[in-house]
PDB file of N, CA and C in Angstrom:
ATOM      1  N   MET A   1       1.274  -1.034   0.302  1.00  0.00           N
ATOM      2  CA  MET A   1       0.079   0.178  -0.208  1.00  0.00           C
ATOM      3  C   MET A   1       0.784   1.342  -0.202  1.00  0.00           C
ATOM      4  N   LYS A   2       1.861   1.207   0.491  1.00  0.00           N
ATOM      5  CA  LYS A   2       3.019   2.630   0.773  1.00  0.00           C
ATOM      6  C   LYS A   2       3.603   2.688  -0.870  1.00  0.00           C
ATOM      7  N   GLN A   3       3.531   1.578  -1.221  1.00  0.00           N
ATOM      8  CA  GLN A   3       4.222   1.599  -2.501  1.00  0.00           C
ATOM      9  C   GLN A   3       3.359   2.287  -3.686  1.00  0.00           C
ATOM     10  N   VAL A   4       1.942   2.095  -3.340  1.00  0.00           N
ATOM     11  CA  VAL A   4       0.968   2.891  -4.216  1.00  0.00           C
ATOM     12  C   VAL A   4       0.781   4.420  -4.162  1.00  0.00           C
ATOM     13  N   ARG A   5       1.146   4.937  -2.545  1.00  0.00           N
ATOM     14  CA  ARG A   5       1.085   6.310  -2.177  1.00  0.00           C
ATOM     15  C   ARG A   5       2.127   6.649  -2.882  1.00  0.00           C
ATOM     16  N   ILE A   6       3.126   6.457  -2.739  1.00  0.00           N
ATOM     17  CA  ILE A   6       4.695   7.084  -3.575  1.00  0.00           C
ATOM     18  C   ILE A   6       4.553   7.236  -4.828  1.00  0.00           C
ATOM     19  N   TRP A   7       4.004   5.961  -5.530  1.00  0.00           N
ATOM     20  CA  TRP A   7       3.647   6.297  -7.462  1.00  0.00           C
ATOM     21  C   TRP A   7       2.306   6.888  -7.594  1.00  0.00           C
ATOM     22  N   THR A   8       1.925   7.376  -6.688  1.00  0.00           N
ATOM     23  CA  THR A   8       0.487   8.003  -6.578  1.00  0.00           C
ATOM     24  C   THR A   8       0.945   9.522  -6.436  1.00  0.00           C
ATOM     25  N   ARG A   9       1.893   9.800  -5.399  1.00  0.00           N
ATOM     26  CA  ARG A   9       2.497  11.272  -5.871  1.00  0.00           C
ATOM     27  C   ARG A   9       3.749  11.485  -6.923  1.00  0.00           C
ATOM     28  N   ARG A  10       4.260  10.797  -7.040  1.00  0.00           N
ATOM     29  CA  ARG A  10       5.161  11.125  -8.333  1.00  0.00           C
ATOM     30  C   ARG A  10       4.008  11.229  -9.405  1.00  0.00           C
ATOM     31  N   VAL A  11       3.560  10.370  -9.638  1.00  0.00           N
ATOM     32  CA  VAL A  11       2.420  10.781 -10.975  1.00  0.00           C
ATOM     33  C   VAL A  11       1.456  12.155 -10.849  1.00  0.00           C
ATOM     34  N   SER A  12       1.408  12.394  -9.858  1.00  0.00           N
ATOM     35  CA  SER A  12       0.547  13.461  -9.722  1.00  0.00           C
ATOM     36  C   SER A  12       1.481  14.758  -9.602  1.00  0.00           C
ATOM     37  N   LEU A  13       2.801  14.446  -9.301  1.00  0.00           N
ATOM     38  CA  LEU A  13       3.650  15.813  -9.271  1.00  0.00           C
ATOM     39  C   LEU A  13       4.105  15.558 -10.952  1.00  0.00           C
ATOM     40  N   ALA A  14       4.418  14.788 -11.698  1.00  0.00           N
ATOM     41  CA  ALA A  14       4.849  14.626 -12.887  1.00  0.00           C
ATOM     42  C   ALA A  14       3.462  15.459 -13.899  1.00  0.00           C
ATOM     43  N   ILE A  15       2.571  14.967 -13.564  1.00  0.00           N
ATOM     44  CA  ILE A  15       1.326  15.844 -14.074  1.00  0.00           C
ATOM     45  C   ILE A  15       1.205  17.361 -14.165  1.00  0.00           C
ATOM     46  N   PHE A  16       1.561  17.556 -12.759  1.00  0.00           N
ATOM     47  CA  PHE A  16       1.713  19.119 -12.485  1.00  0.00           C
ATOM     48  C   PHE A  16       2.650  19.819 -13.266  1.00  0.00           C
ATOM     49  N   ALA A  17       3.686  18.808 -13.070  1.00  0.00           N
ATOM     50  CA  ALA A  17       5.109  19.783 -13.696  1.00  0.00           C
ATOM     51  C   ALA A  17       4.960  19.845 -15.497  1.00  0.00           C
ATOM     52  N   VAL A  18       4.232  18.846 -16.047  1.00  0.00           N
ATOM     53  CA  VAL A  18       4.518  18.856 -17.576  1.00  0.00           C
ATOM     54  C   VAL A  18       2.766  19.560 -17.674  1.00  0.00           C
ATOM     55  N   SER A  19       2.049  20.090 -16.872  1.00  0.00           N
ATOM     56  CA  SER A  19       0.810  21.018 -17.341  1.00  0.00           C
ATOM     57  C   SER A  19       1.564  22.330 -17.238  1.00  0.00           C
ATOM     58  N   ALA A  20       2.010  22.896 -16.155  1.00  0.00           N
ATOM     59  CA  ALA A  20       2.943  24.168 -15.771  1.00  0.00           C
ATOM     60  C   ALA A  20       3.853  24.310 -16.842  1.00  0.00           C
ATOM     61  N   ILE A  21       4.812  23.178 -17.526  1.00  0.00           N
ATOM     62  CA  ILE A  21       5.518  23.237 -18.410  1.00  0.00           C
ATOM     63  C   ILE A  21       4.757  23.959 -19.438  1.00  0.00           C
ATOM     64  N   TYR A  22       3.872  23.558 -20.075  1.00  0.00           N
ATOM     65  CA  TYR A  22       2.639  23.617 -21.252  1.00  0.00           C
ATOM     66  C   TYR A  22       2.449  24.717 -21.075  1.00  0.00           C
ATOM     67  N   VAL A  23       1.671  25.445 -19.862  1.00  0.00           N
ATOM     68  CA  VAL A  23       1.277  26.619 -19.811  1.00  0.00           C
ATOM     69  C   VAL A  23       2.392  27.744 -19.757  1.00  0.00           C
ATOM     70  N   VAL A  24       3.398  27.836 -19.553  1.00  0.00           N
ATOM     71  CA  VAL A  24       4.361  28.533 -18.915  1.00  0.00           C
ATOM     72  C   VAL A  24       4.798  28.708 -21.014  1.00  0.00           C
ATOM     73  N   THR A  25       4.960  27.777 -21.648  1.00  0.00           N
ATOM     74  CA  THR A  25       5.156  27.766 -22.740  1.00  0.00           C
ATOM     75  C   THR A  25       4.383  27.845 -24.099  1.00  0.00           C
ATOM     76  N   HIS A  26       2.761  28.220 -23.510  1.00  0.00           N
ATOM     77  CA  HIS A  26       1.806  28.783 -24.400  1.00  0.00           C
ATOM     78  C   HIS A  26       1.299  29.783 -23.750  1.00  0.00           C
ATOM     79  N   LEU A  27       1.787  30.762 -22.724  1.00  0.00           N
ATOM     80  CA  LEU A  27       1.204  32.117 -22.517  1.00  0.00           C
ATOM     81  C   LEU A  27       1.004  33.005 -23.208  1.00  0.00           C
ATOM     82  N   ASN A  28       0.801  33.150 -24.587  1.00  0.00           N
ATOM     83  CA  ASN A  28       0.844  34.267 -25.152  1.00  0.00           C
ATOM     84  C   ASN A  28      -0.404  33.707 -25.858  1.00  0.00           C
ATOM     85  N   ASP A  29      -1.064  32.267 -25.507  1.00  0.00           N
ATOM     86  CA  ASP A  29      -2.379  31.876 -26.395  1.00  0.00           C
ATOM     87  C   ASP A  29      -3.533  32.520 -25.341  1.00  0.00           C
ATOM     88  N   TYR A  30      -2.975  32.716 -24.536  1.00  0.00           N
ATOM     89  CA  TYR A  30      -4.335  32.912 -23.175  1.00  0.00           C
ATOM     90  C   TYR A  30      -3.982  34.610 -23.271  1.00  0.00           C
ATOM     91  N   PRO A  31      -5.711  34.842 -23.792  1.00  0.00           N
ATOM     92  CA  PRO A  31      -5.603  36.430 -23.806  1.00  0.00           C
ATOM     93  C   PRO A  31      -5.913  37.305 -22.944  1.00  0.00           C
ATOM     94  N   GLU A  32      -6.082  36.696 -21.915  1.00  0.00           N
ATOM     95  CA  GLU A  32      -6.268  36.990 -20.514  1.00  0.00           C
ATOM     96  C   GLU A  32      -4.880  37.971 -19.914  1.00  0.00           C
ATOM     97  N   VAL A  33      -3.535  36.974 -20.582  1.00  0.00           N
ATOM     98  CA  VAL A  33      -2.440  38.005 -19.972  1.00  0.00           C
ATOM     99  C   VAL A  33      -1.414  37.667 -21.496  1.00  0.00           C
ATOM    100  N   SER A  34      -1.725  37.712 -22.091  1.00  0.00           N
ATOM    101  CA  SER A  34      -1.037  38.065 -23.481  1.00  0.00           C
ATOM    102  C   SER A  34      -0.304  39.029 -23.836  1.00  0.00           C
ATOM    103  N   HIS A  35      -0.908  40.422 -22.927  1.00  0.00           N
ATOM    104  CA  HIS A  35      -0.295  41.529 -23.071  1.00  0.00           C
ATOM    105  C   HIS A  35       1.250  41.918 -22.552  1.00  0.00           C
ATOM    106  N   ILE A  36       1.088  40.721 -21.536  1.00  0.00           N
ATOM    107  CA  ILE A  36       2.327  41.161 -20.234  1.00  0.00           C
ATOM    108  C   ILE A  36       3.501  40.436 -20.803  1.00  0.00           C
ATOM    109  N   GLU A  37       4.798  41.507 -20.571  1.00  0.00           N
ATOM    110  CA  GLU A  37       5.934  40.973 -21.280  1.00  0.00           C
ATOM    111  C   GLU A  37       6.389  40.167 -20.634  1.00  0.00           C
ATOM    112  N   SER A  38       6.262  39.765 -19.299  1.00  0.00           N
ATOM    113  CA  SER A  38       6.949  38.997 -17.998  1.00  0.00           C
ATOM    114  C   SER A  38       6.365  37.599 -18.174  1.00  0.00           C
ATOM    115  N   LYS A  39       6.897  36.706 -18.621  1.00  0.00           N
ATOM    116  CA  LYS A  39       6.550  35.415 -18.471  1.00  0.00           C
ATOM    117  C   LYS A  39       6.161  35.067 -16.703  1.00  0.00           C
ATOM    118  N   THR A  40       7.274  35.373 -15.761  1.00  0.00           N
ATOM    119  CA  THR A  40       6.425  34.920 -14.441  1.00  0.00           C
ATOM    120  C   THR A  40       5.231  35.763 -13.829  1.00  0.00           C
ATOM    121  N   GLU A  41       5.059  36.977 -14.408  1.00  0.00           N
ATOM    122  CA  GLU A  41       4.184  37.761 -13.780  1.00  0.00           C
ATOM    123  C   GLU A  41       3.024  37.409 -14.564  1.00  0.00           C
ATOM    124  N   ALA A  42       3.196  36.956 -16.009  1.00  0.00           N
ATOM    125  CA  ALA A  42       1.777  36.414 -16.564  1.00  0.00           C
ATOM    126  C   ALA A  42       1.381  34.993 -16.354  1.00  0.00           C
ATOM    127  N   PHE A  43       2.502  33.922 -15.610  1.00  0.00           N
ATOM    128  CA  PHE A  43       2.123  32.957 -14.967  1.00  0.00           C
ATOM    129  C   PHE A  43       1.483  33.058 -13.725  1.00  0.00           C
ATOM    130  N   ALA A  44       1.621  33.834 -12.907  1.00  0.00           N
ATOM    131  CA  ALA A  44       0.975  34.433 -11.850  1.00  0.00           C
ATOM    132  C   ALA A  44      -0.333  34.929 -11.985  1.00  0.00           C
ATOM    133  N   VAL A  45      -0.224  35.951 -12.992  1.00  0.00           N
ATOM    134  CA  VAL A  45      -1.633  36.405 -12.888  1.00  0.00           C
ATOM    135  C   VAL A  45      -2.397  35.229 -13.593  1.00  0.00           C
ATOM    136  N   LEU A  46      -2.258  34.730 -14.404  1.00  0.00           N
ATOM    137  CA  LEU A  46      -2.936  33.418 -14.946  1.00  0.00           C
ATOM    138  C   LEU A  46      -3.369  32.838 -14.033  1.00  0.00           C
ATOM    139  N   MET A  47      -2.615  31.942 -13.261  1.00  0.00           N
ATOM    140  CA  MET A  47      -2.639  30.868 -12.105  1.00  0.00           C
ATOM    141  C   MET A  47      -3.932  31.506 -11.269  1.00  0.00           C
ATOM    142  N   PHE A  48      -3.770  33.076 -10.782  1.00  0.00           N
ATOM    143  CA  PHE A  48      -4.532  33.775  -9.812  1.00  0.00           C
ATOM    144  C   PHE A  48      -6.048  33.848 -10.691  1.00  0.00           C
ATOM    145  N   LYS A  49      -6.139  33.688 -11.880  1.00  0.00           N
ATOM    146  CA  LYS A  49      -7.786  33.911 -12.360  1.00  0.00           C
ATOM    147  C   LYS A  49      -8.170  32.289 -12.461  1.00  0.00           C
ATOM    148  N   VAL A  50      -7.020  31.612 -12.796  1.00  0.00           N
ATOM    149  CA  VAL A  50      -7.440  30.212 -12.271  1.00  0.00           C
ATOM    150  C   VAL A  50      -7.892  29.824 -11.249  1.00  0.00           C
ATOM    151  N   LEU A  51      -7.251  30.180 -10.450  1.00  0.00           N
ATOM    152  CA  LEU A  51      -7.628  29.784  -8.766  1.00  0.00           C
ATOM    153  C   LEU A  51      -8.537  30.389  -8.128  1.00  0.00           C
ATOM    154  N   ARG A  52      -8.824  31.507  -8.740  1.00  0.00           N
ATOM    155  CA  ARG A  52     -10.205  32.452  -8.207  1.00  0.00           C
ATOM    156  C   ARG A  52     -11.244  32.057  -7.845  1.00  0.00           C
TER     157      ARG A  52
END
């Protein structure tokens, strides 16, 4: 059972990492943040809007 928890955490982390990389590389495709120059600021604004 402990192995299942470990693999579940790893898979969840991998999915989150791939999703974050995809969002960062495609920031200009989102009209809400396409006008922002800084990728860090654009990512933060987009995550704020998504989690709001």
